[in-house]
Amino acid sequence: MARKTKSMFGNMKPADIKALGIGLELSMVIGGMAYGGHWLDERWGTGPWLLMTGVCLGTLGGGWHAMKMASGGKLPDFGLKTKKNKASTGQQPKQNKPDQSHEPKQDDTTKR
């Protein structure tokens, strides 16, 4: 009789696995940056300053990455309107045409 084994992730939904991955990545980034800051503090004798810098940078970078992953690879807009630089994409920038909406239009009924 074959023994049936269950997977550790067998009952989890794909969204749960994605959230678990995001959380693990966030903790690894923060922990890695903290470890790097602690190692540099010991090497250069700078006290806790590089450790704290590493934790802050890890939190900012990991949080940015977590938001990007949670939103499907795109960062939320947060209501900010940004203009893309067309020169960096190889496209020619659009020339602004003067606004002609204030000029009166002539139609055939007013001409005599």
N, C-alpha and C. Protein backbone atom coordinates (compact mmCIF):
# COMPACT_ATOMS: atom_id res chain seq x y z
N MET A 1 0.84 -1.17 0.00
CA MET A 1 0.00 0.00 0.00
C MET A 1 0.90 1.24 0.00
N ALA A 2 0.67 2.11 -0.99
CA ALA A 2 1.48 3.31 -1.12
C ALA A 2 1.01 4.36 -0.12
N ARG A 3 1.95 4.98 0.45
CA ARG A 3 1.65 6.00 1.44
C ARG A 3 1.54 7.36 0.74
N LYS A 4 0.47 8.05 0.97
CA LYS A 4 0.23 9.33 0.34
C LYS A 4 0.75 10.44 1.26
N THR A 5 1.65 11.25 0.74
CA THR A 5 2.19 12.34 1.53
C THR A 5 1.60 13.65 1.03
N LYS A 6 1.37 14.54 1.95
CA LYS A 6 0.84 15.86 1.61
C LYS A 6 1.98 16.86 1.51
N SER A 7 1.85 17.75 0.57
CA SER A 7 2.82 18.81 0.42
C SER A 7 2.56 19.88 1.48
N MET A 8 3.61 20.54 1.88
CA MET A 8 3.46 21.61 2.86
C MET A 8 2.60 22.75 2.30
N PHE A 9 2.66 22.95 0.99
CA PHE A 9 1.92 24.03 0.36
C PHE A 9 0.69 23.52 -0.39
N GLY A 10 0.28 22.30 -0.13
CA GLY A 10 -0.82 21.69 -0.86
C GLY A 10 -2.16 22.37 -0.67
N ASN A 11 -2.44 22.89 0.50
CA ASN A 11 -3.74 23.50 0.78
C ASN A 11 -3.73 25.02 0.60
N MET A 12 -2.61 25.58 0.17
CA MET A 12 -2.51 27.03 0.03
C MET A 12 -2.98 27.48 -1.35
N LYS A 13 -3.59 28.63 -1.38
CA LYS A 13 -4.03 29.24 -2.64
C LYS A 13 -2.84 29.96 -3.26
N PRO A 14 -2.86 30.19 -4.57
CA PRO A 14 -1.75 30.92 -5.20
C PRO A 14 -1.51 32.31 -4.61
N ALA A 15 -2.57 32.99 -4.20
CA ALA A 15 -2.39 34.32 -3.59
C ALA A 15 -1.67 34.21 -2.25
N ASP A 16 -1.93 33.12 -1.50
CA ASP A 16 -1.25 32.92 -0.23
C ASP A 16 0.23 32.66 -0.44
N ILE A 17 0.55 31.88 -1.47
CA ILE A 17 1.95 31.58 -1.76
C ILE A 17 2.68 32.84 -2.21
N LYS A 18 2.00 33.68 -3.00
CA LYS A 18 2.59 34.94 -3.44
C LYS A 18 2.87 35.85 -2.24
N ALA A 19 1.91 35.93 -1.31
CA ALA A 19 2.09 36.77 -0.12
C ALA A 19 3.23 36.23 0.75
N LEU A 20 3.33 34.92 0.85
CA LEU A 20 4.42 34.32 1.61
C LEU A 20 5.77 34.67 0.98
N GLY A 21 5.84 34.60 -0.34
CA GLY A 21 7.07 34.95 -1.05
C GLY A 21 7.44 36.41 -0.87
N ILE A 22 6.46 37.29 -0.92
CA ILE A 22 6.73 38.72 -0.74
C ILE A 22 7.26 38.98 0.67
N GLY A 23 6.64 38.34 1.66
CA GLY A 23 7.10 38.52 3.04
C GLY A 23 8.50 37.99 3.26
N LEU A 24 8.80 36.84 2.67
CA LEU A 24 10.15 36.29 2.80
C LEU A 24 11.19 37.17 2.12
N GLU A 25 10.86 37.68 0.94
CA GLU A 25 11.79 38.57 0.25
C GLU A 25 12.04 39.84 1.05
N LEU A 26 10.97 40.40 1.63
CA LEU A 26 11.11 41.62 2.43
C LEU A 26 12.02 41.38 3.63
N SER A 27 11.80 40.28 4.32
CA SER A 27 12.63 39.99 5.50
C SER A 27 14.07 39.69 5.12
N MET A 28 14.29 39.05 3.98
CA MET A 28 15.65 38.75 3.55
C MET A 28 16.40 40.02 3.16
N VAL A 29 15.73 40.95 2.51
CA VAL A 29 16.38 42.21 2.13
C VAL A 29 16.75 43.00 3.38
N ILE A 30 15.82 43.13 4.31
CA ILE A 30 16.11 43.88 5.54
C ILE A 30 17.22 43.20 6.33
N GLY A 31 17.13 41.87 6.47
CA GLY A 31 18.16 41.14 7.22
C GLY A 31 19.52 41.20 6.55
N GLY A 32 19.55 41.10 5.23
CA GLY A 32 20.82 41.17 4.51
C GLY A 32 21.47 42.53 4.62
N MET A 33 20.68 43.57 4.51
CA MET A 33 21.23 44.92 4.64
C MET A 33 21.69 45.20 6.07
N ALA A 34 20.95 44.68 7.05
CA ALA A 34 21.35 44.85 8.45
C ALA A 34 22.66 44.11 8.72
N TYR A 35 22.77 42.89 8.18
CA TYR A 35 24.00 42.12 8.37
C TYR A 35 25.19 42.84 7.72
N GLY A 36 24.97 43.36 6.50
CA GLY A 36 26.04 44.08 5.82
C GLY A 36 26.46 45.33 6.58
N GLY A 37 25.50 46.06 7.14
CA GLY A 37 25.83 47.23 7.93
C GLY A 37 26.57 46.88 9.21
N HIS A 38 26.16 45.78 9.86
CA HIS A 38 26.85 45.33 11.08
C HIS A 38 28.29 44.89 10.76
N TRP A 39 28.46 44.19 9.64
CA TRP A 39 29.79 43.74 9.24
C TRP A 39 30.71 44.93 8.97
N LEU A 40 30.18 45.93 8.27
CA LEU A 40 30.98 47.13 7.99
C LEU A 40 31.27 47.91 9.27
N ASP A 41 30.31 47.95 10.21
CA ASP A 41 30.55 48.62 11.49
C ASP A 41 31.70 47.97 12.24
N GLU A 42 31.73 46.65 12.27
CA GLU A 42 32.82 45.94 12.96
C GLU A 42 34.16 46.16 12.25
N ARG A 43 34.12 46.19 10.94
CA ARG A 43 35.35 46.33 10.18
C ARG A 43 35.93 47.74 10.29
N TRP A 44 35.10 48.76 10.23
CA TRP A 44 35.57 50.13 10.23
C TRP A 44 35.43 50.82 11.59
N GLY A 45 34.79 50.16 12.55
CA GLY A 45 34.64 50.75 13.88
C GLY A 45 33.75 51.98 13.91
N THR A 46 32.67 51.97 13.16
CA THR A 46 31.81 53.14 13.07
C THR A 46 30.62 53.08 14.02
N GLY A 47 30.56 52.09 14.87
CA GLY A 47 29.45 52.00 15.81
C GLY A 47 28.20 51.49 15.13
N PRO A 48 27.04 51.85 15.63
CA PRO A 48 25.81 51.28 15.04
C PRO A 48 25.31 52.03 13.81
N TRP A 49 26.06 53.00 13.30
CA TRP A 49 25.53 53.87 12.25
C TRP A 49 25.29 53.14 10.93
N LEU A 50 26.20 52.31 10.51
CA LEU A 50 26.00 51.60 9.25
C LEU A 50 24.95 50.50 9.40
N LEU A 51 24.84 49.93 10.59
CA LEU A 51 23.77 48.97 10.84
C LEU A 51 22.40 49.64 10.69
N MET A 52 22.24 50.80 11.30
CA MET A 52 20.97 51.52 11.19
C MET A 52 20.70 51.98 9.76
N THR A 53 21.76 52.40 9.06
CA THR A 53 21.61 52.78 7.66
C THR A 53 21.18 51.59 6.81
N GLY A 54 21.79 50.43 7.07
CA GLY A 54 21.41 49.22 6.34
C GLY A 54 19.98 48.82 6.59
N VAL A 55 19.52 48.92 7.84
CA VAL A 55 18.13 48.59 8.16
C VAL A 55 17.18 49.55 7.45
N CYS A 56 17.50 50.85 7.47
CA CYS A 56 16.63 51.83 6.80
C CYS A 56 16.59 51.61 5.29
N LEU A 57 17.76 51.41 4.68
CA LEU A 57 17.79 51.17 3.24
C LEU A 57 17.11 49.86 2.87
N GLY A 58 17.29 48.84 3.70
CA GLY A 58 16.63 47.57 3.45
C GLY A 58 15.12 47.68 3.57
N THR A 59 14.65 48.46 4.53
CA THR A 59 13.22 48.65 4.69
C THR A 59 12.63 49.43 3.52
N LEU A 60 13.32 50.48 3.09
CA LEU A 60 12.83 51.26 1.94
C LEU A 60 12.87 50.44 0.65
N GLY A 61 13.98 49.80 0.39
CA GLY A 61 14.10 49.00 -0.84
C GLY A 61 13.19 47.79 -0.83
N GLY A 62 13.11 47.10 0.31
CA GLY A 62 12.23 45.94 0.41
C GLY A 62 10.77 46.32 0.34
N GLY A 63 10.41 47.44 0.95
CA GLY A 63 9.03 47.91 0.88
C GLY A 63 8.64 48.31 -0.52
N TRP A 64 9.56 48.97 -1.24
CA TRP A 64 9.31 49.32 -2.63
C TRP A 64 9.10 48.07 -3.48
N HIS A 65 9.97 47.09 -3.26
CA HIS A 65 9.86 45.83 -4.01
C HIS A 65 8.57 45.08 -3.65
N ALA A 66 8.20 45.08 -2.38
CA ALA A 66 6.97 44.40 -1.95
C ALA A 66 5.74 45.06 -2.57
N MET A 67 5.71 46.41 -2.61
CA MET A 67 4.58 47.09 -3.25
C MET A 67 4.52 46.78 -4.74
N LYS A 68 5.69 46.73 -5.36
CA LYS A 68 5.73 46.43 -6.79
C LYS A 68 5.25 45.01 -7.06
N MET A 69 5.67 44.05 -6.25
CA MET A 69 5.25 42.67 -6.46
C MET A 69 3.77 42.48 -6.13
N ALA A 70 3.27 43.15 -5.12
CA ALA A 70 1.88 43.01 -4.73
C ALA A 70 0.93 43.61 -5.76
N SER A 71 1.41 44.61 -6.50
CA SER A 71 0.55 45.25 -7.49
C SER A 71 0.74 44.66 -8.88
N GLY A 72 1.38 43.53 -8.98
CA GLY A 72 1.54 42.86 -10.27
C GLY A 72 2.67 43.39 -11.12
N GLY A 73 3.70 43.94 -10.53
CA GLY A 73 4.85 44.43 -11.28
C GLY A 73 4.82 45.90 -11.59
N LYS A 74 3.73 46.59 -11.25
CA LYS A 74 3.63 48.03 -11.47
C LYS A 74 3.46 48.71 -10.14
N LEU A 75 4.12 49.82 -9.98
CA LEU A 75 3.95 50.58 -8.75
C LEU A 75 2.65 51.36 -8.81
N PRO A 76 1.97 51.52 -7.67
CA PRO A 76 0.75 52.33 -7.65
C PRO A 76 1.05 53.77 -8.02
N ASP A 77 0.06 54.46 -8.58
CA ASP A 77 0.23 55.84 -9.04
C ASP A 77 0.25 56.83 -7.88
N PHE A 78 -0.45 56.55 -6.80
CA PHE A 78 -0.57 57.43 -5.63
C PHE A 78 -1.12 58.80 -6.01
N GLY A 79 -1.79 58.92 -7.14
CA GLY A 79 -2.39 60.19 -7.55
C GLY A 79 -1.41 61.16 -8.15
N LEU A 80 -0.17 60.76 -8.38
CA LEU A 80 0.82 61.66 -8.95
C LEU A 80 0.85 61.49 -10.46
N LYS A 81 0.87 62.57 -11.17
CA LYS A 81 0.98 62.53 -12.62
C LYS A 81 2.42 62.81 -12.99
N THR A 82 3.04 61.88 -13.68
CA THR A 82 4.43 62.05 -14.10
C THR A 82 4.50 62.04 -15.61
N LYS A 83 5.42 62.82 -16.14
CA LYS A 83 5.64 62.86 -17.57
C LYS A 83 6.86 61.99 -17.88
N LYS A 84 6.71 61.14 -18.86
CA LYS A 84 7.82 60.29 -19.25
C LYS A 84 8.75 61.06 -20.18
N ASN A 85 10.02 60.79 -20.05
CA ASN A 85 11.00 61.42 -20.90
C ASN A 85 11.03 60.67 -22.23
N LYS A 86 10.58 61.28 -23.29
CA LYS A 86 10.50 60.63 -24.60
C LYS A 86 11.89 60.43 -25.19
N ALA A 87 12.87 61.26 -24.82
CA ALA A 87 14.20 61.12 -25.38
C ALA A 87 14.85 59.81 -24.95
N SER A 88 14.55 59.33 -23.75
CA SER A 88 15.16 58.10 -23.28
C SER A 88 14.56 56.88 -23.96
N THR A 89 13.36 56.99 -24.52
CA THR A 89 12.74 55.85 -25.19
C THR A 89 13.02 55.87 -26.68
N GLY A 90 13.71 56.87 -27.18
CA GLY A 90 14.04 56.93 -28.59
C GLY A 90 12.96 57.60 -29.43
N GLN A 91 11.88 58.07 -28.81
CA GLN A 91 10.82 58.73 -29.55
C GLN A 91 11.05 60.23 -29.56
N GLN A 92 10.58 60.86 -30.59
CA GLN A 92 10.70 62.30 -30.67
C GLN A 92 9.67 62.96 -29.77
N PRO A 93 10.05 63.99 -29.02
CA PRO A 93 9.06 64.68 -28.19
C PRO A 93 8.05 65.41 -29.06
N LYS A 94 6.82 65.49 -28.56
CA LYS A 94 5.76 66.18 -29.29
C LYS A 94 5.98 67.68 -29.20
N GLN A 95 5.73 68.36 -30.31
CA GLN A 95 5.83 69.81 -30.33
C GLN A 95 4.51 70.37 -29.83
N ASN A 96 4.58 71.32 -28.92
CA ASN A 96 3.37 71.95 -28.41
C ASN A 96 2.84 72.93 -29.44
N LYS A 97 1.59 72.76 -29.81
CA LYS A 97 0.94 73.67 -30.73
C LYS A 97 0.23 74.76 -29.92
N PRO A 98 0.20 75.96 -30.44
CA PRO A 98 -0.50 77.02 -29.70
C PRO A 98 -1.98 76.69 -29.58
N ASP A 99 -2.54 77.04 -28.45
CA ASP A 99 -3.94 76.77 -28.19
C ASP A 99 -4.79 77.75 -28.99
N GLN A 100 -5.60 77.23 -29.89
CA GLN A 100 -6.41 78.07 -30.74
C GLN A 100 -7.87 78.05 -30.32
N SER A 101 -8.15 77.59 -29.13
CA SER A 101 -9.53 77.47 -28.70
C SER A 101 -10.16 78.83 -28.39
N HIS A 102 -9.35 79.88 -28.19
CA HIS A 102 -9.89 81.19 -27.86
C HIS A 102 -10.20 82.03 -29.08
N GLU A 103 -9.80 81.57 -30.25
CA GLU A 103 -10.08 82.32 -31.46
C GLU A 103 -11.51 82.07 -31.89
N PRO A 104 -12.23 83.12 -32.26
CA PRO A 104 -13.61 82.90 -32.71
C PRO A 104 -13.63 82.19 -34.06
N LYS A 105 -14.57 81.30 -34.19
CA LYS A 105 -14.70 80.58 -35.45
C LYS A 105 -15.72 81.32 -36.32
N GLN A 106 -15.42 81.34 -37.59
CA GLN A 106 -16.34 81.98 -38.53
C GLN A 106 -17.15 80.88 -39.21
N ASP A 107 -18.42 81.09 -39.22
CA ASP A 107 -19.25 80.15 -39.95
C ASP A 107 -19.98 80.93 -41.06
N ASP A 108 -20.55 80.21 -41.98
CA ASP A 108 -21.13 80.83 -43.16
C ASP A 108 -22.35 81.68 -42.86
N THR A 109 -23.01 81.50 -41.75
CA THR A 109 -24.23 82.26 -41.45
C THR A 109 -23.93 83.70 -41.08
N THR A 110 -22.73 83.99 -40.57
CA THR A 110 -22.44 85.37 -40.16
C THR A 110 -21.82 86.18 -41.30
N LYS A 111 -21.40 85.53 -42.37
CA LYS A 111 -20.81 86.27 -43.50
C LYS A 111 -21.91 86.86 -44.37
N ARG A 112 -21.69 88.10 -44.91
CA ARG A 112 -22.69 88.72 -45.80
C ARG A 112 -22.04 89.12 -47.08
